[in-house]
C-alpha atoms as a PDB file:
ATOM      1  CA  MET A   1     172.476 -12.245 -77.334  1.00  0.00           C
ATOM      2  CA  THR A   2     171.679 -15.414 -79.097  1.00  0.00           C
ATOM      3  CA  GLU A   3     174.380 -17.845 -80.274  1.00  0.00           C
ATOM      4  CA  THR A   4     174.027 -19.520 -83.577  1.00  0.00           C
ATOM      5  CA  VAL A   5     175.426 -23.037 -83.741  1.00  0.00           C
ATOM      6  CA  ALA A   6     176.967 -24.192 -86.956  1.00  0.00           C
ATOM      7  CA  TYR A   7     176.610 -27.900 -88.081  1.00  0.00           C
ATOM      8  CA  PRO A   8     179.352 -28.403 -90.664  1.00  0.00           C
ATOM      9  CA  HIS A   9     178.052 -31.667 -91.868  1.00  0.00           C
ATOM     10  CA  ILE A  10     174.391 -30.803 -91.831  1.00  0.00           C
ATOM     11  CA  ASP A  11     172.291 -28.873 -94.232  1.00  0.00           C
ATOM     12  CA  LYS A  12     168.863 -27.562 -93.222  1.00  0.00           C
ATOM     13  CA  PRO A  13     167.047 -25.785 -95.892  1.00  0.00           C
ATOM     14  CA  PRO A  14     164.044 -23.681 -94.719  1.00  0.00           C
ATOM     15  CA  ASP A  15     161.581 -25.877 -96.596  1.00  0.00           C
ATOM     16  CA  GLY A  16     162.920 -29.281 -95.914  1.00  0.00           C
ATOM     17  CA  PRO A  17     164.381 -31.711 -93.387  1.00  0.00           C
ATOM     18  CA  ALA A  18     167.971 -31.679 -92.120  1.00  0.00           C
ATOM     19  CA  ARG A  19     170.270 -33.799 -94.359  1.00  0.00           C
ATOM     20  CA  LEU A  20     173.872 -34.696 -94.691  1.00  0.00           C
ATOM     21  CA  VAL A  21     175.839 -32.192 -96.776  1.00  0.00           C
ATOM     22  CA  ARG A  22     178.101 -34.823 -98.431  1.00  0.00           C
ATOM     23  CA  VAL A  23     175.176 -37.495 -98.859  1.00  0.00           C
ATOM     24  CA  PRO A  24     172.063 -35.291 -99.269  1.00  0.00           C
ATOM     25  CA  ARG A  25     169.766 -38.378 -99.693  1.00  0.00           C
ATOM     26  CA  VAL A  26     170.322 -39.096 -96.078  1.00  0.00           C
ATOM     27  CA  ARG A  27     168.302 -37.259 -93.588  1.00  0.00           C
ATOM     28  CA  VAL A  28     169.273 -36.562 -89.969  1.00  0.00           C
ATOM     29  CA  ALA A  29     166.117 -38.376 -88.961  1.00  0.00           C
ATOM     30  CA  GLN A  30     167.195 -41.508 -90.649  1.00  0.00           C
ATOM     31  CA  ILE A  31     170.500 -41.529 -88.646  1.00  0.00           C
ATOM     32  CA  ILE A  32     168.553 -40.785 -85.509  1.00  0.00           C
ATOM     33  CA  MET A  33     166.117 -43.751 -86.131  1.00  0.00           C
ATOM     34  CA  ASP A  34     169.229 -46.018 -85.897  1.00  0.00           C
ATOM     35  CA  TYR A  35     170.109 -44.485 -82.448  1.00  0.00           C
ATOM     36  CA  LEU A  36     166.421 -44.704 -81.040  1.00  0.00           C
ATOM     37  CA  HIS A  37     165.502 -48.106 -82.520  1.00  0.00           C
ATOM     38  CA  HIS A  38     168.644 -49.970 -82.381  1.00  0.00           C
ATOM     39  CA  GLY A  39     170.528 -48.067 -79.665  1.00  0.00           C
ATOM     40  CA  TRP A  40     173.493 -47.690 -81.956  1.00  0.00           C
ATOM     41  CA  SER A  41     176.396 -45.518 -81.034  1.00  0.00           C
ATOM     42  CA  PRO A  42     177.822 -43.243 -83.887  1.00  0.00           C
ATOM     43  CA  GLU A  43     180.623 -45.653 -84.143  1.00  0.00           C
ATOM     44  CA  GLU A  44     178.138 -48.600 -84.722  1.00  0.00           C
ATOM     45  CA  MET A  45     176.242 -46.486 -87.272  1.00  0.00           C
ATOM     46  CA  CYS A  46     179.410 -46.011 -89.225  1.00  0.00           C
ATOM     47  CA  ARG A  47     180.151 -49.736 -89.111  1.00  0.00           C
ATOM     48  CA  GLN A  48     176.461 -50.483 -90.263  1.00  0.00           C
ATOM     49  CA  HIS A  49     176.597 -47.697 -93.034  1.00  0.00           C
ATOM     50  CA  ASP A  50     179.965 -47.642 -94.667  1.00  0.00           C
ATOM     51  CA  TYR A  51     179.121 -44.230 -96.482  1.00  0.00           C
ATOM     52  CA  LEU A  52     178.714 -42.411 -93.109  1.00  0.00           C
ATOM     53  CA  THR A  53     181.710 -40.830 -91.496  1.00  0.00           C
ATOM     54  CA  LEU A  54     182.108 -40.680 -87.735  1.00  0.00           C
ATOM     55  CA  ALA A  55     181.996 -36.701 -87.879  1.00  0.00           C
ATOM     56  CA  GLU A  56     178.762 -37.003 -89.753  1.00  0.00           C
ATOM     57  CA  ALA A  57     177.323 -39.356 -87.199  1.00  0.00           C
ATOM     58  CA  TYR A  58     178.283 -37.154 -84.424  1.00  0.00           C
ATOM     59  CA  ALA A  59     177.066 -34.009 -86.165  1.00  0.00           C
ATOM     60  CA  ALA A  60     173.638 -35.812 -86.776  1.00  0.00           C
ATOM     61  CA  MET A  61     173.500 -36.691 -83.102  1.00  0.00           C
ATOM     62  CA  LEU A  62     174.324 -33.099 -82.017  1.00  0.00           C
ATOM     63  CA  TYR A  63     171.786 -31.652 -84.345  1.00  0.00           C
ATOM     64  CA  TYR A  64     169.134 -34.088 -82.778  1.00  0.00           C
ATOM     65  CA  TRP A  65     169.805 -33.053 -79.373  1.00  0.00           C
ATOM     66  CA  ASP A  66     169.780 -29.282 -80.285  1.00  0.00           C
ATOM     67  CA  HIS A  67     166.548 -29.893 -82.320  1.00  0.00           C
ATOM     68  CA  LYS A  68     164.817 -32.731 -80.486  1.00  0.00           C
ATOM     69  CA  GLN A  69     161.220 -31.638 -81.215  1.00  0.00           C
ATOM     70  CA  GLU A  70     161.876 -31.102 -84.989  1.00  0.00           C
ATOM     71  CA  ILE A  71     163.666 -34.406 -85.527  1.00  0.00           C
ATOM     72  CA  GLY A  72     161.274 -36.203 -83.182  1.00  0.00           C
ATOM     73  CA  ALA A  73     158.322 -35.070 -85.277  1.00  0.00           C
ATOM     74  CA  GLU A  74     159.932 -36.207 -88.365  1.00  0.00           C
ATOM     75  CA  VAL A  75     160.699 -39.693 -86.990  1.00  0.00           C
ATOM     76  CA  ALA A  76     157.105 -39.997 -85.543  1.00  0.00           C
ATOM     77  CA  GLU A  77     155.801 -39.153 -89.113  1.00  0.00           C
ATOM     78  CA  GLU A  78     157.860 -41.729 -90.681  1.00  0.00           C
ATOM     79  CA  GLU A  79     157.014 -44.266 -88.109  1.00  0.00           C
ATOM     80  CA  ALA A  80     153.350 -43.511 -88.861  1.00  0.00           C
ATOM     81  CA  MET A  81     153.832 -43.912 -92.533  1.00  0.00           C
ATOM     82  CA  ILE A  82     155.577 -47.404 -91.944  1.00  0.00           C
ATOM     83  CA  GLU A  83     152.764 -48.656 -89.605  1.00  0.00           C
ATOM     84  CA  GLU A  84     150.136 -47.595 -92.285  1.00  0.00           C
ATOM     85  CA  ALA A  85     152.040 -49.409 -95.011  1.00  0.00           C
ATOM     86  CA  LEU A  86     152.244 -52.513 -92.878  1.00  0.00           C
ATOM     87  CA  ASN A  87     148.585 -52.341 -92.111  1.00  0.00           C
ATOM     88  CA  THR A  88     147.249 -51.708 -95.596  1.00  0.00           C
ATOM     89  CA  PRO A  89     146.680 -54.674 -97.877  1.00  0.00           C
ATOM     90  CA  HIS A  90     148.472 -54.374-101.049  1.00  0.00           C
ATOM     91  CA  THR A  91     147.706 -56.401-104.061  1.00  0.00           C
ATOM     92  CA  SER A  92     150.095 -56.419-107.045  1.00  0.00           C
ATOM     93  CA  PRO A  93     148.975 -56.337-110.610  1.00  0.00           C
ATOM     94  CA  PHE A  94     150.427 -59.785-110.955  1.00  0.00           C
ATOM     95  CA  TYR A  95     148.504 -61.199-108.131  1.00  0.00           C
ATOM     96  CA  ARG A  96     145.261 -59.562-109.394  1.00  0.00           C
ATOM     97  CA  ARG A  97     145.908 -60.967-112.918  1.00  0.00           C
ATOM     98  CA  MET A  98     146.852 -64.413-111.743  1.00  0.00           C
ATOM     99  CA  PHE A  99     144.239 -64.962-108.925  1.00  0.00           C
ATOM    100  CA  GLY A 100     141.645 -62.330-109.649  1.00  0.00           C
ATOM    101  CA  GLY A 101     141.297 -60.797-106.304  1.00  0.00           C
ATOM    102  CA  GLU A 102     142.834 -59.135-103.311  1.00  0.00           C
ATOM    103  CA  GLY A 103     145.716 -60.184-101.287  1.00  0.00           C
ATOM    104  CA  ARG A 104     148.667 -59.070 -99.361  1.00  0.00           C
END
């Protein structure tokens, strides 16, 4: 018999990432990145993000520990996107118009 765990503060649609129910723009992976990169506890996350409740922060942590591979892959994908953006030169239209060339 398999047991189904309910995450009352987390919504996980079949075709998308796990998100907060109350604040759907916030993904569980975003909360977990604070834990992984800053070492923040759920209490610290709530101090840093005033929209986040303690129950939501703990629910995100629980979801992460129960779905570590899924959330880890999402975090790795986001880190790769950030790394690519940091290493790709960007030239604004203003810079090209003013200086006629490439730049950062």
